[in-house]
Amino acid sequence: MDKLSAMQAFARVVSSGSYAEAARRLGLTRSAVSKAVSELEQGLGARLLDRTTRRVTPTEAGLAYYERCIAILAQVEETEAQISRLHDEPKGVLRVNAPMSFGMMYLSTAIAAFMQKYTDLKVELTLTDRFIDPLEEGVDVTIRIGELEDSSLIARRISSTALMLVASPVYVTAHGEPKTPKDLAQHRALIYGHSTSTQRWKLSDGGDAVAVPVNGCLASNNGDVLRDAAVAGIGIARLPLFLVCDQIRAGSLQAVLPTYAPGDLDIHALYAPNRYLAAKTRVFIDFLVDRFGKIPPWQITETQT
């Protein structure tokens, strides 16, 4: 029996005045309780209990040790209760990581609303398009958009966003509107990535997907740059709907080849596997699912495209 359990057994013997009663309350055998007390006495080099046929009473040393045991056991119980409350009540610091554009456009206001609801929480938000390891960087929740890499992290789907081909009316007037996916090869493409070299965009009209070559005139690893270039009439961009919905509603961008869908991107919350998921993490992810999972703010009607 470990030291803490032995102290608990000893305290039960003193409070009940009986080995048998202490054993019954602890769910142990009488011999196990007796052995635990004997090990404490051997370790301390002092007799802790006077035993009679009718009752067990503490010695002077035993009484002093009992008082210390009670204080220590109470502290342990309070510590365990505090840790348990951290998992039951959303408190402490919540560290969140998210992609730059999504974080600025949607997560910033979501976190403000979340903190109004959970006033005891502090939030530390970092925005980066670089994929991070939340375990290494001490992040509670990281938001990822698109296909996930294999990892030991737990992923919960928050929402999804359609990919769209978009261009400005100015560009369409000047260069014409592609009628089929093959026509894209004759247009200026705004590429998400680091190179303007020829790439292939996957499109589908509900049947088999086709990969069509596109010629980049601008490449960037930031969607805001590509969106702004599309609004300026520089070319055609393939971007998530959450990034261009406001421009489509305002008419500064329009859907290109709307019957050919580039597909959808899932939005996930990733967190470390943990049997005892902290309340702050759980309620934050629940909040995001409720906010974005039903009718996301980037959803638009067909008439708006």
Protein backbone atom coordinates (compact mmCIF):
# COMPACT_ATOMS: atom_id res chain seq x y z
CA MET A 1 0.00 0.00 0.00
CA ASP A 2 1.38 3.46 -0.89
CA LYS A 3 2.10 6.05 1.78
CA LEU A 4 -1.00 8.16 1.10
CA SER A 5 -3.32 5.13 1.26
CA ALA A 6 -1.60 3.97 4.44
CA MET A 7 -2.14 7.40 6.01
CA GLN A 8 -5.80 7.21 5.03
CA ALA A 9 -6.11 3.76 6.61
CA PHE A 10 -4.43 4.96 9.81
CA ALA A 11 -6.74 7.99 10.02
CA ARG A 12 -9.78 5.73 9.61
CA VAL A 13 -8.60 3.48 12.41
CA VAL A 14 -8.19 6.45 14.75
CA SER A 15 -11.54 8.02 13.85
CA SER A 16 -13.46 4.76 14.16
CA GLY A 17 -11.42 3.25 17.03
CA SER A 18 -11.38 -0.09 15.27
CA TYR A 19 -9.36 -1.92 12.63
CA ALA A 20 -12.42 -3.84 11.56
CA GLU A 21 -14.57 -0.74 11.17
CA ALA A 22 -11.81 1.10 9.29
CA ALA A 23 -11.43 -1.86 6.94
CA ARG A 24 -15.19 -1.96 6.32
CA ARG A 25 -15.36 1.75 5.45
CA LEU A 26 -12.37 1.51 3.13
CA GLY A 27 -13.45 -1.72 1.47
CA LEU A 28 -10.28 -3.51 2.60
CA THR A 29 -9.48 -6.52 4.72
CA ARG A 30 -8.61 -6.06 8.38
CA SER A 31 -5.17 -7.58 7.78
CA ALA A 32 -4.46 -5.05 5.00
CA VAL A 33 -5.29 -2.15 7.31
CA SER A 34 -3.20 -3.62 10.12
CA LYS A 35 -0.26 -4.11 7.75
CA ALA A 36 -0.51 -0.52 6.52
CA VAL A 37 -0.38 0.85 10.06
CA SER A 38 2.53 -1.43 10.94
CA GLU A 39 4.48 -0.17 7.89
CA LEU A 40 3.87 3.42 8.98
CA GLU A 41 5.14 2.64 12.49
CA GLN A 42 8.23 0.93 11.11
CA GLY A 43 8.97 3.84 8.81
CA LEU A 44 8.50 6.41 11.58
CA GLY A 45 10.22 4.35 14.26
CA ALA A 46 7.38 5.05 16.67
CA ARG A 47 4.29 3.28 17.96
CA LEU A 48 1.20 5.06 16.71
CA LEU A 49 -1.61 3.02 18.27
CA ASP A 50 -2.30 1.30 21.58
CA ARG A 51 -4.32 -1.82 20.95
CA THR A 52 -6.70 -3.36 23.49
CA THR A 53 -9.28 -6.06 23.09
CA ARG A 54 -12.05 -3.46 23.09
CA ARG A 55 -10.65 -0.38 21.34
CA VAL A 56 -7.69 1.09 19.47
CA THR A 57 -6.48 4.47 20.69
CA PRO A 58 -3.65 6.68 19.38
CA THR A 59 -0.47 7.19 21.36
CA GLU A 60 0.85 10.70 21.91
CA ALA A 61 2.93 10.34 18.76
CA GLY A 62 -0.03 8.74 17.02
CA LEU A 63 -2.31 11.65 17.89
CA ALA A 64 0.19 14.18 16.52
CA TYR A 65 0.63 12.10 13.39
CA TYR A 66 -3.15 11.75 13.02
CA GLU A 67 -3.64 15.53 13.08
CA ARG A 68 -1.01 15.94 10.35
CA CYS A 69 -2.56 13.12 8.32
CA ILE A 70 -5.98 14.76 8.47
CA ALA A 71 -4.53 18.06 7.23
CA ILE A 72 -2.57 16.38 4.41
CA LEU A 73 -5.51 14.26 3.28
CA ALA A 74 -7.76 17.33 3.26
CA GLN A 75 -5.25 19.19 1.09
CA VAL A 76 -5.07 16.26 -1.31
CA GLU A 77 -8.85 16.10 -1.52
CA GLU A 78 -9.11 19.83 -2.19
CA THR A 79 -6.41 19.65 -4.86
CA GLU A 80 -8.21 16.82 -6.60
CA ALA A 81 -11.47 18.74 -6.41
CA GLN A 82 -9.85 21.83 -7.94
CA ILE A 83 -8.40 19.80 -10.81
CA SER A 84 -11.76 18.12 -11.31
CA ARG A 85 -13.49 21.51 -11.47
CA LEU A 86 -11.09 22.59 -14.21
CA HIS A 87 -12.51 19.76 -16.29
CA ASP A 88 -16.09 20.50 -15.25
CA GLU A 89 -16.00 24.30 -15.46
CA PRO A 90 -14.48 26.33 -18.31
CA LYS A 91 -11.69 28.24 -16.58
CA GLY A 92 -8.09 29.12 -17.20
CA VAL A 93 -6.38 30.05 -20.47
CA LEU A 94 -7.65 28.67 -23.79
CA ARG A 95 -5.00 28.67 -26.53
CA VAL A 96 -6.36 28.64 -30.07
CA ASN A 97 -4.64 28.54 -33.47
CA ALA A 98 -6.37 29.16 -36.80
CA PRO A 99 -5.68 30.09 -40.45
CA MET A 100 -5.15 33.80 -41.05
CA SER A 101 -8.12 34.66 -43.29
CA PHE A 102 -10.70 32.53 -41.52
CA GLY A 103 -9.48 33.77 -38.15
CA MET A 104 -9.76 37.44 -39.06
CA MET A 105 -13.08 37.16 -40.88
CA TYR A 106 -15.01 34.80 -38.61
CA LEU A 107 -13.13 33.53 -35.59
CA SER A 108 -12.40 36.96 -34.13
CA THR A 109 -16.09 37.80 -33.70
CA ALA A 110 -16.87 34.25 -32.63
CA ILE A 111 -14.28 34.40 -29.85
CA ALA A 112 -15.63 37.76 -28.67
CA ALA A 113 -19.11 36.23 -28.37
CA PHE A 114 -17.65 33.14 -26.70
CA MET A 115 -15.85 35.24 -24.07
CA GLN A 116 -19.03 37.17 -23.30
CA LYS A 117 -20.62 33.84 -22.44
CA TYR A 118 -17.66 32.41 -20.49
CA THR A 119 -16.31 35.36 -18.56
CA ASP A 120 -13.86 33.33 -16.43
CA LEU A 121 -11.87 32.22 -19.48
CA LYS A 122 -8.85 33.91 -21.00
CA VAL A 123 -8.11 33.28 -24.68
CA GLU A 124 -4.83 33.40 -26.56
CA LEU A 125 -5.41 33.36 -30.35
CA THR A 126 -2.62 32.96 -32.91
CA LEU A 127 -3.30 33.16 -36.63
CA THR A 128 -1.07 31.41 -39.15
CA ASP A 129 -1.52 29.44 -42.35
CA ARG A 130 1.36 27.19 -41.30
CA PHE A 131 0.26 23.80 -39.98
CA ILE A 132 1.39 23.53 -36.38
CA ASP A 133 1.65 20.65 -33.95
CA PRO A 134 -0.61 21.68 -31.04
CA LEU A 135 1.16 19.24 -28.73
CA GLU A 136 4.55 20.85 -29.34
CA GLU A 137 3.30 24.43 -29.23
CA GLY A 138 0.95 24.08 -26.28
CA VAL A 139 -2.25 24.86 -28.21
CA ASP A 140 -5.59 23.57 -26.93
CA VAL A 141 -7.50 23.84 -30.23
CA THR A 142 -6.27 24.38 -33.78
CA ILE A 143 -8.65 25.08 -36.67
CA ARG A 144 -7.79 23.50 -40.03
CA ILE A 145 -9.54 23.87 -43.39
CA GLY A 146 -9.25 21.19 -46.06
CA GLU A 147 -7.84 17.70 -46.11
CA LEU A 148 -6.23 16.62 -42.85
CA GLU A 149 -2.89 14.94 -42.51
CA ASP A 150 -2.66 11.66 -40.65
CA SER A 151 -1.83 12.36 -37.03
CA SER A 152 -2.63 11.31 -33.49
CA LEU A 153 -4.85 14.38 -33.02
CA ILE A 154 -8.61 14.16 -32.57
CA ALA A 155 -10.57 16.00 -35.28
CA ARG A 156 -14.14 17.24 -34.93
CA ARG A 157 -15.91 18.69 -37.96
CA ILE A 158 -17.18 22.21 -37.35
CA SER A 159 -18.58 23.09 -40.76
CA SER A 160 -17.70 23.10 -44.45
CA THR A 161 -17.23 25.63 -47.21
CA ALA A 162 -17.63 25.24 -50.95
CA LEU A 163 -14.78 26.00 -53.31
CA MET A 164 -15.75 28.34 -56.14
CA LEU A 165 -14.30 29.74 -59.33
CA VAL A 166 -14.81 33.51 -59.26
CA ALA A 167 -13.96 36.50 -61.38
CA SER A 168 -15.02 40.12 -61.50
CA PRO A 169 -17.57 41.41 -64.01
CA VAL A 170 -14.78 43.64 -65.30
CA TYR A 171 -12.63 40.61 -66.12
CA VAL A 172 -15.52 38.71 -67.72
CA THR A 173 -16.37 41.72 -69.91
CA ALA A 174 -12.77 42.10 -71.02
CA HIS A 175 -11.83 38.44 -71.50
CA GLY A 176 -15.12 36.62 -71.93
CA GLU A 177 -16.64 33.96 -69.71
CA PRO A 178 -15.41 30.35 -69.99
CA LYS A 179 -18.18 28.01 -71.10
CA THR A 180 -16.46 24.69 -70.39
CA PRO A 181 -13.63 23.65 -68.07
CA LYS A 182 -11.27 23.37 -71.06
CA ASP A 183 -11.74 27.08 -71.72
CA LEU A 184 -9.89 27.86 -68.49
CA ALA A 185 -6.60 27.15 -70.25
CA GLN A 186 -7.12 30.37 -72.22
CA HIS A 187 -7.67 32.50 -69.13
CA ARG A 188 -5.48 34.13 -66.49
CA ALA A 189 -5.51 32.11 -63.28
CA LEU A 190 -4.86 33.30 -59.74
CA ILE A 191 -3.05 30.42 -58.07
CA TYR A 192 -3.05 29.52 -54.40
CA GLY A 193 0.54 28.46 -53.79
CA HIS A 194 4.09 29.56 -54.42
CA SER A 195 4.42 29.23 -58.21
CA THR A 196 2.65 30.57 -61.30
CA SER A 197 3.66 27.50 -63.31
CA THR A 198 0.86 25.52 -64.95
CA GLN A 199 -1.38 23.74 -62.48
CA ARG A 200 -4.52 21.64 -62.70
CA TRP A 201 -7.84 22.50 -61.13
CA LYS A 202 -10.25 19.65 -60.44
CA LEU A 203 -13.86 20.30 -61.45
CA SER A 204 -17.01 18.19 -61.56
CA ASP A 205 -20.52 18.68 -62.94
CA GLY A 206 -21.86 15.85 -60.82
CA GLY A 207 -20.23 13.15 -62.90
CA ASP A 208 -16.57 12.23 -63.13
CA ALA A 209 -14.12 14.87 -62.00
CA VAL A 210 -11.84 16.42 -64.57
CA ALA A 211 -8.46 18.07 -63.99
CA VAL A 212 -7.96 21.02 -66.32
CA PRO A 213 -4.69 22.93 -66.80
CA VAL A 214 -4.62 26.61 -65.84
CA ASN A 215 -1.95 29.23 -66.44
CA GLY A 216 -1.12 31.35 -63.43
CA CYS A 217 -0.45 35.06 -63.64
CA LEU A 218 -0.33 35.53 -59.86
CA ALA A 219 0.50 33.09 -57.10
CA SER A 220 0.12 33.64 -53.36
CA ASN A 221 -0.22 31.53 -50.24
CA ASN A 222 -2.81 33.97 -48.91
CA GLY A 223 -6.40 33.87 -50.12
CA ASP A 224 -7.04 37.56 -49.39
CA VAL A 225 -4.40 38.51 -51.95
CA LEU A 226 -6.02 36.34 -54.61
CA ARG A 227 -9.51 37.60 -53.79
CA ASP A 228 -8.45 41.23 -54.05
CA ALA A 229 -6.71 40.51 -57.35
CA ALA A 230 -9.87 38.86 -58.66
CA VAL A 231 -11.96 41.88 -57.63
CA ALA A 232 -9.48 44.09 -59.49
CA GLY A 233 -10.08 42.08 -62.67
CA ILE A 234 -6.67 40.40 -62.82
CA GLY A 235 -7.93 36.87 -63.41
CA ILE A 236 -10.01 33.90 -62.26
CA ALA A 237 -9.48 32.53 -58.75
CA ARG A 238 -10.46 29.27 -57.09
CA LEU A 239 -11.28 30.19 -53.50
CA PRO A 240 -13.39 28.99 -50.55
CA LEU A 241 -16.83 30.56 -50.37
CA PHE A 242 -16.22 31.97 -46.88
CA LEU A 243 -13.55 34.20 -48.41
CA VAL A 244 -15.61 35.62 -51.30
CA CYS A 245 -19.24 35.52 -50.15
CA ASP A 246 -19.36 39.25 -49.33
CA GLN A 247 -17.97 40.17 -52.76
CA ILE A 248 -20.46 37.86 -54.51
CA ARG A 249 -23.33 39.44 -52.59
CA ALA A 250 -22.02 42.92 -53.47
CA GLY A 251 -21.58 42.01 -57.13
CA SER A 252 -17.85 42.71 -57.30
CA LEU A 253 -17.27 38.99 -57.96
CA GLN A 254 -19.37 36.43 -59.79
CA ALA A 255 -19.28 32.67 -60.07
CA VAL A 256 -17.51 31.23 -63.10
CA LEU A 257 -18.61 27.85 -64.47
CA PRO A 258 -21.15 27.58 -61.59
CA THR A 259 -22.34 24.14 -62.69
CA TYR A 260 -18.82 22.74 -62.33
CA ALA A 261 -18.05 22.43 -58.63
CA PRO A 262 -14.42 22.35 -57.48
CA GLY A 263 -15.62 20.58 -54.34
CA ASP A 264 -16.04 21.35 -50.65
CA LEU A 265 -13.55 21.88 -47.87
CA ASP A 266 -14.30 20.62 -44.37
CA ILE A 267 -13.45 22.81 -41.40
CA HIS A 268 -12.19 20.88 -38.36
CA ALA A 269 -11.19 21.59 -34.80
CA LEU A 270 -8.17 19.53 -33.82
CA TYR A 271 -7.10 18.76 -30.27
CA ALA A 272 -4.86 16.33 -28.45
CA PRO A 273 -6.32 12.96 -27.46
CA ASN A 274 -7.17 13.09 -23.79
CA ARG A 275 -9.51 10.90 -21.79
CA TYR A 276 -10.35 13.88 -19.59
CA LEU A 277 -10.98 16.66 -22.10
CA ALA A 278 -10.84 20.02 -20.33
CA ALA A 279 -14.13 21.87 -20.11
CA LYS A 280 -12.63 24.99 -21.73
CA THR A 281 -11.75 22.96 -24.85
CA ARG A 282 -15.04 21.09 -24.95
CA VAL A 283 -17.30 24.14 -24.63
CA PHE A 284 -15.28 26.13 -27.18
CA ILE A 285 -15.58 23.43 -29.83
CA ASP A 286 -19.30 23.01 -29.04
CA PHE A 287 -19.68 26.77 -29.44
CA LEU A 288 -18.02 26.73 -32.88
CA VAL A 289 -20.15 23.81 -34.06
CA ASP A 290 -23.30 25.62 -32.97
CA ARG A 291 -22.19 28.89 -34.58
CA PHE A 292 -20.93 27.57 -37.92
CA GLY A 293 -22.35 24.07 -38.30
CA LYS A 294 -26.00 24.76 -39.05
CA ILE A 295 -26.21 27.78 -41.36
CA PRO A 296 -22.72 29.27 -41.70
CA PRO A 297 -22.54 33.05 -42.25
CA TRP A 298 -20.84 32.53 -45.63
CA GLN A 299 -23.77 30.60 -47.08
CA ILE A 300 -25.34 32.37 -50.08
CA THR A 301 -28.42 31.66 -52.18
CA GLU A 302 -28.36 30.72 -55.84
CA THR A 303 -29.75 34.13 -56.77
CA GLN A 304 -26.70 35.77 -55.17
CA THR A 305 -24.26 33.88 -57.41
